[in-house]
N, C-alpha and C. Protein backbone atom coordinates (compact mmCIF):
# COMPACT_ATOMS: atom_id res chain seq x y z
N MET A 1 -75.12 133.49 101.10
CA MET A 1 -74.61 133.73 99.80
C MET A 1 -72.72 134.08 99.38
N HIS A 2 -72.50 134.25 100.53
CA HIS A 2 -70.82 134.33 100.67
C HIS A 2 -70.13 132.79 100.26
N GLY A 3 -68.64 132.85 99.97
CA GLY A 3 -68.16 132.03 100.01
C GLY A 3 -67.30 131.91 99.14
N ASN A 4 -66.66 130.99 98.42
CA ASN A 4 -65.91 130.90 97.53
C ASN A 4 -66.04 129.59 96.50
N GLY A 5 -67.21 129.09 96.52
CA GLY A 5 -68.13 128.18 95.68
C GLY A 5 -67.19 126.91 95.75
N ARG A 6 -66.23 126.93 96.30
CA ARG A 6 -65.74 125.35 96.40
C ARG A 6 -66.45 124.69 97.35
N HIS A 7 -66.64 123.19 97.15
CA HIS A 7 -67.52 122.38 98.02
C HIS A 7 -66.19 121.31 98.31
N GLU A 8 -65.34 121.51 99.40
CA GLU A 8 -64.81 120.71 99.88
C GLU A 8 -65.03 119.12 99.77
N GLY A 9 -64.72 117.88 99.09
CA GLY A 9 -65.04 116.47 98.98
C GLY A 9 -66.37 116.22 98.21
N GLY A 10 -67.20 117.50 98.11
CA GLY A 10 -68.10 117.10 97.37
C GLY A 10 -68.20 116.45 95.73
N THR A 11 -69.10 115.63 95.70
CA THR A 11 -69.00 115.13 94.26
C THR A 11 -70.16 115.29 93.69
N ALA A 12 -70.95 115.90 94.31
CA ALA A 12 -72.36 116.35 93.55
C ALA A 12 -72.06 117.04 91.89
N PRO A 13 -72.65 116.82 90.94
CA PRO A 13 -72.34 117.60 89.83
C PRO A 13 -73.05 118.82 89.93
N ARG A 14 -72.16 120.29 89.11
CA ARG A 14 -72.63 121.65 89.46
C ARG A 14 -72.65 121.96 87.94
N VAL A 15 -73.66 122.92 87.95
CA VAL A 15 -73.45 123.79 86.89
C VAL A 15 -73.40 125.09 87.37
N VAL A 16 -72.16 125.55 86.92
CA VAL A 16 -71.38 127.09 87.46
C VAL A 16 -72.19 128.18 86.62
N VAL A 17 -72.59 129.28 86.96
CA VAL A 17 -73.05 130.12 86.05
C VAL A 17 -72.72 131.52 86.15
N GLY A 18 -71.97 132.35 85.44
CA GLY A 18 -71.46 133.52 85.79
C GLY A 18 -72.66 134.80 85.43
N VAL A 19 -72.84 135.35 86.53
CA VAL A 19 -73.92 136.25 86.46
C VAL A 19 -73.59 137.63 87.04
N SER A 20 -74.09 138.44 85.72
CA SER A 20 -73.64 139.96 86.04
C SER A 20 -75.04 140.96 86.23
N GLY A 21 -75.95 140.14 85.52
CA GLY A 21 -77.27 141.07 85.70
C GLY A 21 -77.98 141.54 84.11
N SER A 22 -76.83 141.30 83.50
CA SER A 22 -77.01 141.67 82.07
C SER A 22 -77.91 140.59 81.25
N LEU A 23 -78.96 141.11 80.31
CA LEU A 23 -79.36 140.17 79.62
C LEU A 23 -78.57 138.77 79.22
N GLY A 24 -77.33 138.74 78.74
CA GLY A 24 -76.71 137.68 78.58
C GLY A 24 -76.69 136.72 79.41
N SER A 25 -76.43 137.49 80.81
CA SER A 25 -76.43 136.54 81.95
C SER A 25 -77.43 135.87 82.21
N LEU A 26 -78.55 136.52 82.31
CA LEU A 26 -79.81 136.08 82.54
C LEU A 26 -80.29 134.80 81.71
N ALA A 27 -79.65 135.17 80.26
CA ALA A 27 -79.73 133.99 79.43
C ALA A 27 -79.39 132.83 79.59
N ALA A 28 -78.03 133.03 80.34
CA ALA A 28 -77.02 132.22 80.48
C ALA A 28 -77.63 131.32 81.90
N LEU A 29 -78.22 132.06 82.86
CA LEU A 29 -78.99 131.39 84.24
C LEU A 29 -80.15 130.08 83.36
N HIS A 30 -81.08 130.91 82.28
CA HIS A 30 -81.97 129.70 82.11
C HIS A 30 -81.12 128.49 81.50
N ARG A 31 -80.33 128.90 80.94
CA ARG A 31 -79.63 127.73 80.03
C ARG A 31 -79.11 126.95 81.35
N GLY A 32 -78.49 127.60 82.25
CA GLY A 32 -77.72 126.49 82.99
C GLY A 32 -78.78 126.42 83.96
N VAL A 33 -79.95 126.59 84.11
CA VAL A 33 -81.02 125.87 84.80
C VAL A 33 -81.73 124.29 84.03
N ALA A 34 -81.78 124.27 82.94
CA ALA A 34 -82.05 123.61 81.70
C ALA A 34 -80.87 122.45 82.10
N GLU A 35 -79.67 122.88 81.93
CA GLU A 35 -78.22 121.97 82.12
C GLU A 35 -78.17 121.19 83.35
N ALA A 36 -78.70 122.04 84.55
CA ALA A 36 -78.80 121.42 85.72
C ALA A 36 -80.02 120.56 85.93
N ARG A 37 -81.01 120.63 85.32
CA ARG A 37 -82.06 119.67 85.19
C ARG A 37 -81.58 118.46 84.69
N GLU A 38 -81.28 118.71 83.72
CA GLU A 38 -80.61 117.45 82.52
C GLU A 38 -79.65 116.52 83.31
N ARG A 39 -78.89 117.27 83.91
CA ARG A 39 -77.69 116.32 84.49
C ARG A 39 -77.73 116.22 86.03
N GLY A 40 -79.25 116.49 86.69
CA GLY A 40 -79.38 116.22 88.26
C GLY A 40 -78.41 116.92 88.76
N ALA A 41 -78.05 118.18 88.56
CA ALA A 41 -76.71 119.04 89.32
C ALA A 41 -77.49 120.10 90.09
N ALA A 42 -76.61 120.82 90.71
CA ALA A 42 -77.10 122.04 91.49
C ALA A 42 -76.54 123.31 90.56
N LEU A 43 -77.30 124.35 90.92
CA LEU A 43 -76.86 125.36 90.09
C LEU A 43 -76.31 126.21 90.99
N VAL A 44 -75.11 126.72 90.58
CA VAL A 44 -74.10 127.91 91.40
C VAL A 44 -74.00 129.14 90.53
N PRO A 45 -74.94 129.95 91.01
CA PRO A 45 -75.13 131.28 89.88
C PRO A 45 -73.63 131.78 90.71
N VAL A 46 -72.72 132.68 90.05
CA VAL A 46 -71.53 133.28 90.70
C VAL A 46 -71.51 134.91 90.06
N LEU A 47 -71.32 135.60 91.42
CA LEU A 47 -71.20 136.85 90.63
C LEU A 47 -70.02 137.68 91.17
N ALA A 48 -68.80 137.69 90.47
CA ALA A 48 -67.77 138.33 90.93
C ALA A 48 -67.46 139.60 91.10
N TRP A 49 -67.11 140.30 91.87
CA TRP A 49 -66.90 141.94 92.09
C TRP A 49 -65.44 142.30 92.58
N GLU A 50 -65.04 143.45 92.22
CA GLU A 50 -63.74 143.83 92.68
C GLU A 50 -63.76 144.99 93.49
N PRO A 51 -63.07 145.50 94.16
CA PRO A 51 -62.94 146.76 94.87
C PRO A 51 -62.75 148.05 93.90
N PRO A 52 -63.62 149.44 94.03
CA PRO A 52 -63.78 150.60 93.37
C PRO A 52 -61.92 150.74 93.02
N GLY A 53 -61.70 150.64 91.36
CA GLY A 53 -59.82 151.05 91.53
C GLY A 53 -59.16 149.39 91.13
N GLY A 54 -59.84 148.35 91.69
CA GLY A 54 -59.09 147.58 91.15
C GLY A 54 -58.33 146.59 92.78
N GLU A 55 -57.88 145.68 92.70
CA GLU A 55 -57.28 145.24 93.64
C GLU A 55 -56.06 146.12 94.29
N HIS A 56 -55.30 146.13 93.02
CA HIS A 56 -53.81 147.09 93.07
C HIS A 56 -54.24 148.70 94.08
N GLY A 57 -55.59 149.01 93.57
CA GLY A 57 -55.93 150.63 93.93
C GLY A 57 -56.37 150.28 95.53
N TYR A 58 -57.11 149.52 95.62
CA TYR A 58 -57.42 149.12 97.02
C TYR A 58 -56.09 148.96 97.98
N ARG A 59 -55.46 148.16 97.46
CA ARG A 59 -53.99 148.21 98.47
C ARG A 59 -53.68 149.28 98.58
N ARG A 60 -53.54 150.32 97.68
CA ARG A 60 -52.83 151.48 97.90
C ARG A 60 -53.64 152.70 98.79
N SER A 61 -54.71 152.33 98.60
CA SER A 61 -55.59 153.22 99.35
C SER A 61 -56.97 152.37 100.42
N PRO A 62 -56.85 151.31 101.07
CA PRO A 62 -57.69 150.71 101.59
C PRO A 62 -58.88 151.56 102.48
N CYS A 63 -60.25 150.90 102.50
CA CYS A 63 -61.32 151.58 102.94
C CYS A 63 -62.02 150.73 103.19
N PRO A 64 -62.22 149.88 104.54
CA PRO A 64 -62.98 148.78 104.92
C PRO A 64 -64.54 149.20 104.45
N PRO A 65 -64.85 150.29 104.79
CA PRO A 65 -66.43 150.73 104.90
C PRO A 65 -66.89 150.62 103.56
N LEU A 66 -66.15 151.15 102.13
CA LEU A 66 -66.29 151.07 101.02
C LEU A 66 -66.32 149.74 100.93
N LEU A 67 -65.36 148.98 101.19
CA LEU A 67 -65.32 147.40 100.65
C LEU A 67 -66.50 146.94 101.13
N ALA A 68 -67.02 146.91 102.32
CA ALA A 68 -68.43 146.49 102.93
C ALA A 68 -69.40 146.88 102.05
N ALA A 69 -69.66 147.94 101.48
CA ALA A 69 -70.84 148.68 100.85
C ALA A 69 -70.92 147.87 99.36
N VAL A 70 -69.36 147.87 98.40
CA VAL A 70 -69.48 147.14 97.43
C VAL A 70 -69.57 145.76 97.51
N ARG A 71 -69.06 145.03 98.48
CA ARG A 71 -69.45 143.50 98.63
C ARG A 71 -71.08 143.41 98.74
N GLU A 72 -72.05 144.18 99.46
CA GLU A 72 -73.14 144.30 99.85
C GLU A 72 -74.12 144.72 98.68
N ALA A 73 -73.34 145.78 97.62
CA ALA A 73 -73.88 146.33 96.66
C ALA A 73 -74.12 144.82 95.45
N ALA A 74 -72.78 144.03 95.36
CA ALA A 74 -72.38 142.75 94.66
C ALA A 74 -73.64 141.80 94.97
N GLU A 75 -73.70 141.63 96.30
CA GLU A 75 -74.84 140.70 96.67
C GLU A 75 -76.35 141.03 96.25
N GLN A 76 -76.63 142.18 96.23
CA GLN A 76 -78.04 142.63 96.16
C GLN A 76 -78.15 142.49 94.39
N ARG A 77 -77.16 142.87 93.77
CA ARG A 77 -77.26 142.39 92.61
C ARG A 77 -77.33 140.95 91.96
N LEU A 78 -76.96 140.12 92.58
CA LEU A 78 -77.06 138.91 92.35
C LEU A 78 -78.49 138.28 93.02
N ARG A 79 -79.07 138.92 93.74
CA ARG A 79 -80.19 138.55 93.81
C ARG A 79 -81.30 139.43 93.31
N ASP A 80 -81.04 140.44 92.76
CA ASP A 80 -82.11 141.35 91.67
C ASP A 80 -81.57 140.24 90.60
N ALA A 81 -80.66 139.99 90.05
CA ALA A 81 -80.55 138.87 88.77
C ALA A 81 -81.27 137.62 88.54
N LEU A 82 -81.42 137.06 89.83
CA LEU A 82 -81.87 135.60 90.21
C LEU A 82 -83.42 136.03 90.53
N ASP A 83 -84.03 137.16 90.77
CA ASP A 83 -85.40 137.81 90.97
C ASP A 83 -85.73 137.86 89.59
N ALA A 84 -84.86 138.29 88.48
CA ALA A 84 -85.22 138.57 87.39
C ALA A 84 -85.19 137.44 86.18
N ALA A 85 -84.47 136.82 86.70
CA ALA A 85 -84.12 135.78 85.67
C ALA A 85 -85.62 134.43 86.07
N PHE A 86 -85.86 134.29 87.54
CA PHE A 86 -86.99 133.29 88.06
C PHE A 86 -88.04 134.02 88.48
N GLY A 87 -88.26 135.40 88.10
CA GLY A 87 -89.50 136.00 88.59
C GLY A 87 -89.82 135.43 90.31
N GLY A 88 -88.77 135.35 91.03
CA GLY A 88 -89.14 135.05 92.54
C GLY A 88 -89.70 133.52 92.82
N THR A 89 -89.79 132.84 91.64
CA THR A 89 -90.05 131.16 92.18
C THR A 89 -88.65 130.53 91.96
N ASP A 90 -89.24 129.22 92.38
CA ASP A 90 -87.99 128.52 92.75
C ASP A 90 -87.77 127.97 91.38
N PRO A 91 -86.34 127.71 90.79
CA PRO A 91 -85.88 127.27 89.49
C PRO A 91 -86.07 125.77 89.27
N GLY A 92 -86.38 124.72 90.41
CA GLY A 92 -86.67 123.53 90.53
C GLY A 92 -85.19 122.80 90.34
N VAL A 93 -83.87 123.12 90.63
CA VAL A 93 -82.83 122.63 90.94
C VAL A 93 -82.19 123.34 92.09
N PRO A 94 -81.08 122.95 93.24
CA PRO A 94 -80.72 123.15 94.26
C PRO A 94 -79.91 124.19 93.76
N LEU A 95 -79.94 125.29 94.39
CA LEU A 95 -79.83 126.47 94.13
C LEU A 95 -78.51 126.96 95.17
N HIS A 96 -77.14 127.30 94.83
CA HIS A 96 -76.30 127.56 95.78
C HIS A 96 -75.44 128.83 95.47
N PRO A 97 -76.14 129.98 95.41
CA PRO A 97 -75.71 131.38 94.77
C PRO A 97 -74.05 131.54 95.74
N VAL A 98 -73.14 132.18 94.99
CA VAL A 98 -72.07 132.71 95.34
C VAL A 98 -71.56 133.74 95.17
N VAL A 99 -71.22 135.05 96.10
CA VAL A 99 -70.89 136.39 95.69
C VAL A 99 -69.13 136.26 96.15
N ILE A 100 -68.15 136.27 94.83
CA ILE A 100 -66.96 135.85 95.19
C ILE A 100 -66.15 137.15 94.86
N ARG A 101 -65.04 138.29 95.28
CA ARG A 101 -64.18 138.66 95.64
C ARG A 101 -63.25 138.41 94.73
N GLY A 102 -63.17 139.24 93.22
CA GLY A 102 -61.86 138.69 92.09
C GLY A 102 -62.58 139.04 91.16
N GLU A 103 -61.20 139.27 89.93
CA GLU A 103 -61.69 139.75 88.39
C GLU A 103 -62.63 138.39 87.85
N ALA A 104 -63.56 138.97 87.19
CA ALA A 104 -64.71 137.55 86.83
C ALA A 104 -64.13 136.40 86.07
N GLY A 105 -63.32 136.67 85.10
CA GLY A 105 -62.86 134.88 84.88
C GLY A 105 -62.17 134.57 85.93
N PRO A 106 -61.03 135.01 86.13
CA PRO A 106 -60.34 133.94 87.20
C PRO A 106 -61.06 133.76 88.47
N ALA A 107 -62.02 134.06 88.86
CA ALA A 107 -62.73 134.44 89.95
C ALA A 107 -63.96 132.88 89.71
N LEU A 108 -64.60 133.09 88.57
CA LEU A 108 -65.47 131.84 87.74
C LEU A 108 -64.58 130.59 87.78
N LEU A 109 -63.54 130.80 87.31
CA LEU A 109 -62.41 129.35 87.25
C LEU A 109 -62.28 128.96 88.68
N HIS A 110 -61.84 129.66 89.43
CA HIS A 110 -61.83 129.07 91.10
C HIS A 110 -63.20 128.60 91.57
N VAL A 111 -64.46 128.95 91.38
CA VAL A 111 -65.68 128.28 91.56
C VAL A 111 -65.66 127.07 90.85
N ALA A 112 -65.49 127.16 89.22
CA ALA A 112 -65.88 125.70 88.63
C ALA A 112 -64.47 125.07 88.35
N ASP A 113 -64.31 124.52 89.52
CA ASP A 113 -62.60 124.07 89.83
C ASP A 113 -62.78 122.20 89.65
N ARG A 114 -63.79 121.90 89.23
CA ARG A 114 -63.74 120.42 89.00
C ARG A 114 -63.97 119.81 87.51
N PRO A 115 -63.25 119.04 87.24
CA PRO A 115 -63.52 118.37 85.64
C PRO A 115 -64.97 118.34 85.59
N ASP A 116 -65.82 117.96 86.27
CA ASP A 116 -67.39 117.39 85.98
C ASP A 116 -68.27 118.58 85.90
N ASP A 117 -67.52 119.94 86.50
CA ASP A 117 -68.18 121.07 86.37
C ASP A 117 -68.61 121.49 84.86
N LEU A 118 -69.52 122.11 84.82
CA LEU A 118 -70.17 122.73 83.42
C LEU A 118 -70.06 124.34 84.04
N LEU A 119 -69.37 125.13 83.05
CA LEU A 119 -69.52 126.42 83.68
C LEU A 119 -69.94 126.90 81.99
N VAL A 120 -71.21 127.81 82.49
CA VAL A 120 -72.01 128.40 81.63
C VAL A 120 -71.91 129.94 81.86
N LEU A 121 -71.45 130.68 80.32
CA LEU A 121 -71.82 132.51 80.42
C LEU A 121 -72.62 132.75 79.38
N GLY A 122 -72.94 133.90 79.53
CA GLY A 122 -73.56 134.68 78.54
C GLY A 122 -72.69 135.64 77.93
N ARG A 123 -72.93 135.84 76.82
CA ARG A 123 -72.34 136.89 75.99
C ARG A 123 -73.10 138.25 76.44
N SER A 124 -72.74 139.52 76.65
CA SER A 124 -73.55 140.98 76.88
C SER A 124 -72.53 141.84 75.74
N GLY A 125 -73.20 143.22 75.93
CA GLY A 125 -72.81 144.01 75.67
C GLY A 125 -72.34 144.16 74.32
N GLY A 126 -72.60 145.62 73.63
CA GLY A 126 -72.37 145.86 72.33
C GLY A 126 -70.45 145.67 72.18
N PRO A 127 -70.50 145.85 70.93
CA PRO A 127 -68.99 145.69 70.43
C PRO A 127 -67.83 146.45 71.05
N LEU A 128 -68.35 147.77 71.37
CA LEU A 128 -67.56 148.55 72.12
C LEU A 128 -67.07 147.97 73.48
N ARG A 129 -67.98 147.34 74.30
CA ARG A 129 -68.01 147.12 75.51
C ARG A 129 -66.87 145.80 75.61
N ARG A 130 -67.18 144.92 74.15
CA ARG A 130 -66.32 143.73 74.58
C ARG A 130 -65.04 144.41 74.23
N ARG A 131 -64.76 145.36 73.16
CA ARG A 131 -63.40 145.85 73.08
C ARG A 131 -62.61 146.62 74.38
N LEU A 132 -63.44 146.93 75.18
CA LEU A 132 -63.18 147.89 76.47
C LEU A 132 -62.55 146.76 77.66
N ARG A 133 -63.33 145.68 77.42
CA ARG A 133 -63.36 144.77 78.53
C ARG A 133 -62.31 143.72 78.19
N ARG A 134 -61.95 142.60 78.76
CA ARG A 134 -61.16 141.63 78.38
C ARG A 134 -62.46 140.26 78.39
N SER A 135 -62.38 139.47 77.26
CA SER A 135 -63.68 138.84 77.24
C SER A 135 -63.74 137.37 78.24
N VAL A 136 -64.55 137.79 79.26
CA VAL A 136 -64.49 136.70 80.29
C VAL A 136 -64.81 135.32 79.58
N PRO A 137 -65.79 135.01 78.43
CA PRO A 137 -65.81 133.91 78.07
C PRO A 137 -64.84 132.95 77.15
N GLY A 138 -63.99 134.45 76.40
CA GLY A 138 -62.86 133.95 76.03
C GLY A 138 -61.62 133.37 76.92
N HIS A 139 -61.63 134.13 78.03
CA HIS A 139 -60.69 133.72 79.32
C HIS A 139 -60.68 132.35 79.95
N CYS A 140 -62.16 131.85 79.84
CA CYS A 140 -62.53 130.90 80.71
C CYS A 140 -62.50 129.63 79.83
N ALA A 141 -62.56 129.99 78.66
CA ALA A 141 -62.70 128.81 77.55
C ALA A 141 -61.45 128.32 77.62
N ARG A 142 -60.34 129.28 77.09
CA ARG A 142 -58.56 128.65 77.21
C ARG A 142 -58.24 128.37 78.32
N LYS A 143 -58.76 128.69 79.58
CA LYS A 143 -58.13 128.22 80.84
C LYS A 143 -58.77 127.06 81.55
N ALA A 144 -60.13 126.67 81.17
CA ALA A 144 -61.03 126.16 82.30
C ALA A 144 -60.57 124.71 82.22
N GLY A 145 -60.80 124.20 83.44
CA GLY A 145 -60.33 122.67 83.34
C GLY A 145 -61.99 121.75 83.26
N CYS A 146 -62.83 122.45 82.93
CA CYS A 146 -63.89 121.79 82.89
C CYS A 146 -64.53 122.45 81.44
N PRO A 147 -65.64 121.97 81.08
CA PRO A 147 -66.60 122.32 79.68
C PRO A 147 -67.04 123.68 80.06
N VAL A 148 -67.08 124.52 78.91
CA VAL A 148 -67.65 125.93 79.28
C VAL A 148 -68.52 125.73 78.05
N LEU A 149 -69.85 126.39 78.26
CA LEU A 149 -70.72 126.78 77.31
C LEU A 149 -71.30 128.26 77.29
N THR A 150 -71.13 128.81 75.96
CA THR A 150 -71.48 130.14 76.10
C THR A 150 -72.60 130.45 75.60
N VAL A 151 -73.39 130.86 75.72
CA VAL A 151 -75.11 131.33 75.15
C VAL A 151 -74.77 132.12 74.59
N PRO A 152 -75.42 132.38 73.32
CA PRO A 152 -75.49 133.38 72.66
C PRO A 152 -76.22 134.47 73.12
N VAL A 153 -76.29 135.40 72.22
CA VAL A 153 -76.87 136.96 73.19
C VAL A 153 -78.29 136.83 72.81
N PRO A 154 -79.45 137.12 73.37
CA PRO A 154 -80.48 136.83 72.67
C PRO A 154 -80.92 137.77 71.85
N GLU A 155 -81.81 137.60 70.69
CA GLU A 155 -82.12 138.22 69.52
C GLU A 155 -82.56 139.77 69.85
N LEU A 156 -83.23 139.68 71.01
CA LEU A 156 -83.75 140.90 71.16
C LEU A 156 -82.77 142.16 71.31
N LEU A 157 -81.48 141.41 72.12
CA LEU A 157 -80.73 142.51 72.49
C LEU A 157 -79.90 142.71 70.96
N HIS A 158 -79.57 141.84 69.99
CA HIS A 158 -79.15 142.10 68.75
C HIS A 158 -80.04 143.17 68.38
N ALA A 159 -81.30 143.11 68.15
CA ALA A 159 -82.24 144.08 67.62
C ALA A 159 -81.74 145.42 68.43
N LEU A 160 -81.55 145.50 69.61
CA LEU A 160 -81.72 146.53 70.48
C LEU A 160 -80.55 147.43 70.07
N HIS A 161 -79.13 146.81 69.88
CA HIS A 161 -77.89 147.19 69.65
C HIS A 161 -78.04 147.88 68.41
N ARG A 162 -78.76 147.65 67.39
CA ARG A 162 -78.87 147.99 66.07
C ARG A 162 -79.71 149.17 66.14
N LEU A 163 -80.75 149.33 66.86
CA LEU A 163 -81.34 150.02 67.30
C LEU A 163 -80.65 151.44 67.66
N GLU A 164 -79.89 151.20 68.71
CA GLU A 164 -79.35 152.57 69.43
C GLU A 164 -78.42 152.50 68.42
N SER A 165 -77.51 152.15 67.73
CA SER A 165 -76.76 152.60 67.00
C SER A 165 -76.92 153.38 65.93
N ALA A 166 -78.57 153.09 65.05
CA ALA A 166 -79.04 153.82 64.16
C ALA A 166 -79.37 155.43 64.81
N HIS A 167 -79.83 155.11 66.16
CA HIS A 167 -80.30 156.12 66.82
C HIS A 167 -79.19 156.88 67.16
N ARG A 168 -77.86 156.65 67.35
CA ARG A 168 -76.53 157.41 67.60
C ARG A 168 -76.09 158.19 66.47
N ARG A 169 -76.14 157.44 65.37
CA ARG A 169 -75.75 157.70 64.06
C ARG A 169 -76.64 159.01 63.60
N ALA A 170 -78.05 158.69 63.53
CA ALA A 170 -79.01 160.27 63.35
C ALA A 170 -78.92 160.98 64.24
N ARG A 171 -78.43 161.02 65.70
CA ARG A 171 -78.58 162.22 66.22
C ARG A 171 -77.13 162.84 66.10
N ARG A 172 -76.00 162.21 65.67
CA ARG A 172 -74.63 162.60 64.68
C ARG A 172 -74.90 163.43 63.81
N HIS A 173 -75.64 162.73 62.83
CA HIS A 173 -76.21 163.38 61.55
C HIS A 173 -77.26 163.45 61.12
N PRO A 174 -77.89 164.62 61.52
CA PRO A 174 -79.48 164.64 61.61
C PRO A 174 -79.91 164.39 59.94
N SER A 175 -79.22 164.89 58.78
CA SER A 175 -79.42 164.84 57.69
C SER A 175 -79.43 163.55 57.12
N ALA A 176 -79.08 162.26 57.79
CA ALA A 176 -79.00 161.18 57.40
C ALA A 176 -79.75 160.31 58.23
N GLY A 177 -80.22 159.07 58.09
CA GLY A 177 -80.75 158.10 58.59
C GLY A 177 -82.29 158.28 58.67
N PRO A 178 -83.20 157.59 59.66
CA PRO A 178 -84.64 157.73 59.21
C PRO A 178 -85.27 159.10 59.24
N ALA A 179 -84.74 160.14 59.95
CA ALA A 179 -85.63 161.34 60.04
C ALA A 179 -85.46 161.65 58.41
N ARG A 180 -84.33 161.63 57.73
CA ARG A 180 -84.19 162.43 56.50
C ARG A 180 -85.09 161.45 55.22
N GLU A 181 -84.93 159.91 55.62
CA GLU A 181 -85.77 158.69 54.79
C GLU A 181 -87.38 159.88 55.08
N ALA A 182 -87.72 159.71 55.95
CA ALA A 182 -89.07 160.34 56.50
C ALA A 182 -89.50 161.78 55.47
N LEU A 183 -88.39 162.54 55.76
CA LEU A 183 -88.92 163.82 55.23
C LEU A 183 -88.93 163.53 53.62
N ALA A 184 -88.14 162.84 53.02
CA ALA A 184 -87.88 162.53 51.85
C ALA A 184 -89.64 161.93 51.04
N ALA A 185 -89.83 160.77 51.96
CA ALA A 185 -91.28 160.31 51.99
C ALA A 185 -92.46 161.52 51.50
N LYS A 186 -92.25 162.60 52.39
CA LYS A 186 -93.27 163.29 52.67
C LYS A 186 -93.49 164.08 51.09
N ARG A 187 -92.23 164.27 50.57
CA ARG A 187 -92.24 165.15 49.42
C ARG A 187 -92.88 164.40 47.98
């Protein structure tokens, strides 16, 4: 599972999928399998990881045992994501998982480095998460040397985010929202 994802001299088509373990990345894995089947390509699921505090922080205060633990945790996250996506079954296409050290966007572009690669990414997280972190799909779409396919968030995830938002509003303002409506219906 280690490696940089590059296949020197390889000409077999590849579908590279960014994996984080989120529902959006699991949807991207499923779409990646469909694309790999259609193209007769290998599926390359990629999970990028960084040391705690980022590369700059690690250079200032290196700790090899911590780095090894974080790398092992990233490998386990990728195994867990593949198990969640495929239920422990063979996806039916050649599978070459890669765990790579680096920021997600640049790391994915490092792996999906051929013009005939297809980079598949899912969107995940709510609007707040997207505001706090740089958009990996946006970065990759701007800088990739291959086609990039962004898979939309599953509709169920949209419903979950709406429900969570309503629940947060109701906790902040108990006099508003569904609880108030329920009381009004009883009157």
